[in-house]
N, C-alpha and C. Protein backbone atom coordinates (compact mmCIF):
# COMPACT_ATOMS: atom_id res chain seq x y z
N MET A 1 -78.09 -60.46 66.14
CA MET A 1 -77.66 -60.33 64.75
C MET A 1 -76.39 -61.16 64.57
N ASN A 2 -76.30 -61.89 63.48
CA ASN A 2 -75.11 -62.70 63.29
C ASN A 2 -73.98 -61.91 62.65
N ASN A 3 -72.78 -62.49 62.70
CA ASN A 3 -71.59 -61.77 62.21
C ASN A 3 -71.66 -61.43 60.74
N THR A 4 -72.27 -62.28 59.92
CA THR A 4 -72.38 -62.00 58.49
C THR A 4 -73.19 -60.74 58.25
N LEU A 5 -74.33 -60.61 58.93
CA LEU A 5 -75.15 -59.40 58.79
C LEU A 5 -74.42 -58.19 59.32
N GLU A 6 -73.75 -58.31 60.47
CA GLU A 6 -73.01 -57.19 61.03
C GLU A 6 -71.91 -56.73 60.09
N ASN A 7 -71.18 -57.69 59.49
CA ASN A 7 -70.12 -57.33 58.55
C ASN A 7 -70.70 -56.66 57.31
N ASN A 8 -71.85 -57.15 56.83
CA ASN A 8 -72.52 -56.54 55.69
C ASN A 8 -72.95 -55.10 56.02
N ASP A 9 -73.50 -54.90 57.21
CA ASP A 9 -73.91 -53.56 57.63
C ASP A 9 -72.71 -52.62 57.70
N LEU A 10 -71.59 -53.12 58.22
CA LEU A 10 -70.37 -52.31 58.31
C LEU A 10 -69.88 -51.92 56.92
N GLU A 11 -69.92 -52.86 55.99
CA GLU A 11 -69.48 -52.56 54.62
C GLU A 11 -70.41 -51.53 53.97
N ILE A 12 -71.70 -51.65 54.19
CA ILE A 12 -72.65 -50.68 53.64
C ILE A 12 -72.39 -49.31 54.25
N ALA A 13 -72.18 -49.25 55.56
CA ALA A 13 -71.91 -47.97 56.23
C ALA A 13 -70.64 -47.32 55.68
N LYS A 14 -69.60 -48.11 55.50
CA LYS A 14 -68.34 -47.58 54.93
C LYS A 14 -68.57 -47.05 53.52
N GLU A 15 -69.37 -47.77 52.74
CA GLU A 15 -69.63 -47.36 51.36
C GLU A 15 -70.43 -46.05 51.32
N ILE A 16 -71.39 -45.89 52.20
CA ILE A 16 -72.18 -44.65 52.25
C ILE A 16 -71.27 -43.47 52.59
N ARG A 17 -70.43 -43.65 53.60
CA ARG A 17 -69.50 -42.57 53.99
C ARG A 17 -68.56 -42.24 52.82
N LYS A 18 -68.05 -43.26 52.15
CA LYS A 18 -67.16 -43.06 51.00
C LYS A 18 -67.87 -42.31 49.88
N GLN A 19 -69.12 -42.69 49.59
CA GLN A 19 -69.87 -42.02 48.53
C GLN A 19 -70.10 -40.55 48.86
N ILE A 20 -70.45 -40.25 50.10
CA ILE A 20 -70.64 -38.85 50.50
C ILE A 20 -69.35 -38.07 50.34
N MET A 21 -68.25 -38.65 50.80
CA MET A 21 -66.96 -37.95 50.73
C MET A 21 -66.48 -37.79 49.29
N GLN A 22 -66.82 -38.72 48.40
CA GLN A 22 -66.44 -38.57 47.00
C GLN A 22 -67.23 -37.44 46.33
N LEU A 23 -68.47 -37.27 46.74
CA LEU A 23 -69.29 -36.20 46.19
C LEU A 23 -68.84 -34.84 46.70
N ASN A 24 -68.55 -34.77 48.00
CA ASN A 24 -68.10 -33.52 48.61
C ASN A 24 -67.30 -33.87 49.86
N PHE A 25 -65.98 -33.75 49.75
CA PHE A 25 -65.08 -34.16 50.83
C PHE A 25 -65.43 -33.50 52.16
N TRP A 26 -65.91 -32.27 52.13
CA TRP A 26 -66.18 -31.51 53.35
C TRP A 26 -67.62 -31.59 53.84
N ALA A 27 -68.47 -32.31 53.15
CA ALA A 27 -69.90 -32.34 53.50
C ALA A 27 -70.14 -32.79 54.94
N LEU A 28 -69.58 -33.92 55.33
CA LEU A 28 -69.81 -34.44 56.69
C LEU A 28 -69.35 -33.43 57.74
N ALA A 29 -68.19 -32.84 57.53
CA ALA A 29 -67.68 -31.84 58.48
C ALA A 29 -68.59 -30.62 58.52
N SER A 30 -69.10 -30.20 57.36
CA SER A 30 -69.97 -29.02 57.34
C SER A 30 -71.29 -29.28 58.05
N TRP A 31 -71.69 -30.56 58.12
CA TRP A 31 -72.91 -30.93 58.83
C TRP A 31 -72.66 -31.17 60.31
N GLY A 32 -71.40 -31.00 60.75
CA GLY A 32 -71.07 -31.20 62.16
C GLY A 32 -70.76 -32.64 62.50
N ALA A 33 -70.67 -33.52 61.51
CA ALA A 33 -70.31 -34.92 61.75
C ALA A 33 -68.79 -35.01 61.72
N THR A 34 -68.19 -34.80 62.87
CA THR A 34 -66.73 -34.80 62.95
C THR A 34 -66.19 -36.20 62.81
N SER A 35 -64.89 -36.32 62.80
CA SER A 35 -64.26 -37.64 62.65
C SER A 35 -64.26 -38.44 63.95
N VAL A 36 -64.81 -37.88 65.01
CA VAL A 36 -64.89 -38.59 66.28
C VAL A 36 -65.81 -39.79 66.11
N SER A 37 -65.33 -40.96 66.52
CA SER A 37 -66.08 -42.19 66.26
C SER A 37 -67.45 -42.23 66.93
N GLU A 38 -67.65 -41.52 68.04
CA GLU A 38 -68.97 -41.50 68.68
C GLU A 38 -70.03 -40.81 67.82
N HIS A 39 -69.60 -40.09 66.82
CA HIS A 39 -70.54 -39.37 65.95
C HIS A 39 -71.05 -40.22 64.80
N TYR A 40 -70.61 -41.49 64.75
CA TYR A 40 -71.03 -42.39 63.69
C TYR A 40 -71.54 -43.70 64.30
N ARG A 41 -72.57 -44.27 63.69
CA ARG A 41 -73.10 -45.57 64.12
C ARG A 41 -73.42 -46.39 62.88
N VAL A 42 -73.06 -47.66 62.95
CA VAL A 42 -73.49 -48.60 61.92
C VAL A 42 -74.90 -49.03 62.30
N VAL A 43 -75.82 -48.90 61.36
CA VAL A 43 -77.20 -49.32 61.58
C VAL A 43 -77.52 -50.41 60.56
N GLU A 44 -78.63 -51.08 60.73
CA GLU A 44 -78.99 -52.13 59.79
C GLU A 44 -79.10 -51.55 58.37
N ASN A 45 -78.29 -52.06 57.47
CA ASN A 45 -78.23 -51.62 56.07
C ASN A 45 -77.83 -50.17 55.89
N GLY A 46 -77.09 -49.60 56.85
CA GLY A 46 -76.72 -48.21 56.65
C GLY A 46 -75.82 -47.59 57.69
N LEU A 47 -75.87 -46.27 57.70
CA LEU A 47 -75.01 -45.44 58.53
C LEU A 47 -75.85 -44.33 59.16
N ALA A 48 -75.56 -44.03 60.42
CA ALA A 48 -76.16 -42.87 61.09
C ALA A 48 -75.00 -41.99 61.57
N PHE A 49 -75.18 -40.67 61.45
CA PHE A 49 -74.15 -39.76 61.94
C PHE A 49 -74.81 -38.57 62.62
N LYS A 50 -74.15 -38.13 63.69
CA LYS A 50 -74.64 -37.02 64.50
C LYS A 50 -74.33 -35.72 63.77
N ILE A 51 -75.30 -34.80 63.78
CA ILE A 51 -75.10 -33.53 63.09
C ILE A 51 -75.29 -32.36 64.04
N SER A 52 -74.77 -31.22 63.62
CA SER A 52 -74.98 -29.97 64.33
C SER A 52 -74.97 -28.86 63.29
N THR A 53 -76.15 -28.34 62.99
CA THR A 53 -76.30 -27.27 62.01
C THR A 53 -77.09 -26.14 62.68
N PRO A 54 -77.18 -24.98 62.06
CA PRO A 54 -78.00 -23.92 62.66
C PRO A 54 -79.45 -24.36 62.88
N ARG A 55 -79.94 -25.24 62.04
CA ARG A 55 -81.33 -25.70 62.15
C ARG A 55 -81.49 -26.83 63.17
N TYR A 56 -80.52 -27.73 63.23
CA TYR A 56 -80.59 -28.89 64.13
C TYR A 56 -79.36 -28.95 65.01
N GLN A 57 -79.59 -29.07 66.30
CA GLN A 57 -78.48 -29.10 67.25
C GLN A 57 -78.46 -30.41 68.02
N ARG A 58 -78.53 -30.34 69.31
CA ARG A 58 -78.38 -31.48 70.21
C ARG A 58 -79.25 -32.68 69.86
N GLY A 59 -78.63 -33.84 69.92
CA GLY A 59 -79.38 -35.09 69.78
C GLY A 59 -79.94 -35.38 68.42
N THR A 60 -79.42 -34.73 67.38
CA THR A 60 -79.96 -34.92 66.04
C THR A 60 -78.99 -35.77 65.20
N TRP A 61 -79.56 -36.76 64.55
CA TRP A 61 -78.79 -37.69 63.73
C TRP A 61 -79.40 -37.77 62.34
N VAL A 62 -78.56 -38.07 61.36
CA VAL A 62 -79.02 -38.40 60.02
C VAL A 62 -78.78 -39.90 59.84
N LYS A 63 -79.79 -40.59 59.38
CA LYS A 63 -79.71 -42.03 59.15
C LYS A 63 -79.89 -42.28 57.66
N VAL A 64 -78.91 -42.92 57.04
CA VAL A 64 -78.94 -43.23 55.61
C VAL A 64 -78.95 -44.75 55.49
N VAL A 65 -80.01 -45.30 54.87
CA VAL A 65 -80.19 -46.74 54.80
C VAL A 65 -80.39 -47.17 53.35
N LEU A 66 -79.66 -48.20 52.96
CA LEU A 66 -79.81 -48.80 51.64
C LEU A 66 -81.11 -49.59 51.61
N ASN A 67 -81.96 -49.33 50.61
CA ASN A 67 -83.24 -50.04 50.54
C ASN A 67 -83.21 -51.12 49.45
N ALA A 68 -84.30 -51.83 49.29
CA ALA A 68 -84.39 -52.95 48.35
C ALA A 68 -84.25 -52.52 46.88
N MET A 69 -84.48 -51.24 46.61
CA MET A 69 -84.39 -50.72 45.24
C MET A 69 -82.96 -50.27 44.89
N ASP A 70 -82.00 -50.52 45.81
CA ASP A 70 -80.60 -50.12 45.66
C ASP A 70 -80.46 -48.59 45.62
N THR A 71 -81.39 -47.92 46.30
CA THR A 71 -81.30 -46.49 46.53
C THR A 71 -81.30 -46.29 48.04
N TYR A 72 -81.29 -45.05 48.49
CA TYR A 72 -81.19 -44.78 49.92
C TYR A 72 -82.43 -44.08 50.46
N ASN A 73 -82.77 -44.41 51.69
CA ASN A 73 -83.77 -43.69 52.46
C ASN A 73 -83.01 -42.90 53.51
N ILE A 74 -83.38 -41.63 53.68
CA ILE A 74 -82.68 -40.75 54.61
C ILE A 74 -83.69 -40.22 55.62
N GLU A 75 -83.32 -40.25 56.89
CA GLU A 75 -84.14 -39.69 57.96
C GLU A 75 -83.30 -38.76 58.80
N VAL A 76 -83.91 -37.67 59.23
CA VAL A 76 -83.32 -36.81 60.25
C VAL A 76 -84.09 -37.13 61.52
N VAL A 77 -83.36 -37.57 62.55
CA VAL A 77 -83.97 -38.10 63.76
C VAL A 77 -83.42 -37.37 64.97
N ARG A 78 -84.30 -37.00 65.88
CA ARG A 78 -83.87 -36.41 67.16
C ARG A 78 -84.20 -37.41 68.25
N THR A 79 -83.20 -37.67 69.09
CA THR A 79 -83.38 -38.57 70.22
C THR A 79 -83.13 -37.79 71.50
N ILE A 80 -84.14 -37.76 72.35
CA ILE A 80 -84.01 -37.13 73.67
C ILE A 80 -84.46 -38.17 74.68
N GLY A 81 -83.49 -38.62 75.49
CA GLY A 81 -83.80 -39.71 76.42
C GLY A 81 -84.14 -40.96 75.64
N THR A 82 -85.32 -41.50 75.87
CA THR A 82 -85.75 -42.69 75.13
C THR A 82 -86.70 -42.34 74.00
N GLU A 83 -87.02 -41.06 73.86
CA GLU A 83 -87.95 -40.62 72.81
C GLU A 83 -87.20 -40.37 71.50
N ARG A 84 -87.70 -40.97 70.42
CA ARG A 84 -87.11 -40.83 69.09
C ARG A 84 -88.16 -40.24 68.17
N LYS A 85 -87.81 -39.13 67.52
CA LYS A 85 -88.77 -38.47 66.64
C LYS A 85 -88.14 -38.22 65.27
N ILE A 86 -88.82 -38.65 64.21
CA ILE A 86 -88.36 -38.39 62.85
C ILE A 86 -88.78 -36.97 62.49
N LEU A 87 -87.80 -36.13 62.19
CA LEU A 87 -88.06 -34.72 61.89
C LEU A 87 -88.33 -34.48 60.41
N SER A 88 -87.64 -35.23 59.57
CA SER A 88 -87.85 -35.14 58.12
C SER A 88 -87.24 -36.37 57.46
N ASN A 89 -87.66 -36.64 56.25
CA ASN A 89 -87.13 -37.81 55.55
C ASN A 89 -87.31 -37.69 54.04
N LEU A 90 -86.50 -38.46 53.33
CA LEU A 90 -86.59 -38.60 51.88
C LEU A 90 -86.34 -40.07 51.55
N ASP A 91 -87.04 -40.59 50.57
CA ASP A 91 -86.86 -41.98 50.17
C ASP A 91 -86.40 -42.07 48.72
N ASP A 92 -85.79 -43.20 48.40
CA ASP A 92 -85.37 -43.53 47.04
C ASP A 92 -84.41 -42.51 46.44
N ILE A 93 -83.36 -42.21 47.20
CA ILE A 93 -82.33 -41.26 46.78
C ILE A 93 -81.17 -42.04 46.16
N TYR A 94 -80.73 -41.62 44.98
CA TYR A 94 -79.58 -42.25 44.33
C TYR A 94 -78.29 -41.78 44.99
N ALA A 95 -77.24 -42.59 44.88
CA ALA A 95 -75.96 -42.29 45.52
C ALA A 95 -75.45 -40.90 45.13
N GLU A 96 -75.59 -40.55 43.86
CA GLU A 96 -75.08 -39.25 43.41
C GLU A 96 -75.90 -38.06 43.92
N GLN A 97 -77.02 -38.34 44.58
CA GLN A 97 -77.88 -37.30 45.15
C GLN A 97 -77.73 -37.17 46.67
N LEU A 98 -76.88 -38.00 47.29
CA LEU A 98 -76.81 -38.05 48.75
C LEU A 98 -76.52 -36.70 49.40
N VAL A 99 -75.49 -36.01 48.95
CA VAL A 99 -75.12 -34.74 49.58
C VAL A 99 -76.22 -33.71 49.40
N GLU A 100 -76.72 -33.58 48.21
CA GLU A 100 -77.81 -32.62 47.93
C GLU A 100 -79.06 -32.94 48.76
N ALA A 101 -79.38 -34.22 48.88
CA ALA A 101 -80.57 -34.63 49.63
C ALA A 101 -80.42 -34.35 51.12
N VAL A 102 -79.28 -34.71 51.69
CA VAL A 102 -79.06 -34.44 53.12
C VAL A 102 -79.06 -32.94 53.36
N ASP A 103 -78.38 -32.19 52.50
CA ASP A 103 -78.38 -30.71 52.62
C ASP A 103 -79.81 -30.17 52.65
N SER A 104 -80.64 -30.66 51.75
CA SER A 104 -82.01 -30.15 51.67
C SER A 104 -82.80 -30.43 52.95
N LEU A 105 -82.45 -31.51 53.64
CA LEU A 105 -83.15 -31.87 54.87
C LEU A 105 -82.65 -31.12 56.09
N ILE A 106 -81.36 -30.80 56.14
CA ILE A 106 -80.80 -30.30 57.41
C ILE A 106 -80.33 -28.86 57.41
N GLU A 107 -80.12 -28.27 56.26
CA GLU A 107 -79.63 -26.89 56.24
C GLU A 107 -80.77 -25.90 56.30
N ASN A 108 -80.47 -24.73 56.77
CA ASN A 108 -81.47 -23.66 56.90
C ASN A 108 -81.65 -22.98 55.54
N LYS A 109 -82.40 -23.60 54.66
CA LYS A 109 -82.61 -23.04 53.32
C LYS A 109 -84.04 -22.56 53.22
N LYS A 110 -84.18 -21.31 52.90
CA LYS A 110 -85.53 -20.72 52.80
C LYS A 110 -85.76 -20.20 51.41
């Protein structure tokens, strides 16, 4: 990957984190995504963060990716060893829906 794409991915990741925090300052912390840098990863066109909720524990990440429609695709992913499994997902989420959408995917709501 070249530096221009990497810088673009970093800017998108920063913007996603900023948008989540503007919607709900405590959302990331409530999902177990602490401020420790190992809990965050810049991914292509987005951000991934490690979570820990009553429903999802070890090895679970949320991946938020900007798509071509200028909305977000969200995946809840569990990685154990080299195995990666998508546990749930939502597509075409607007920025103002990010916190509500992630909550709906990862919290124990019945």
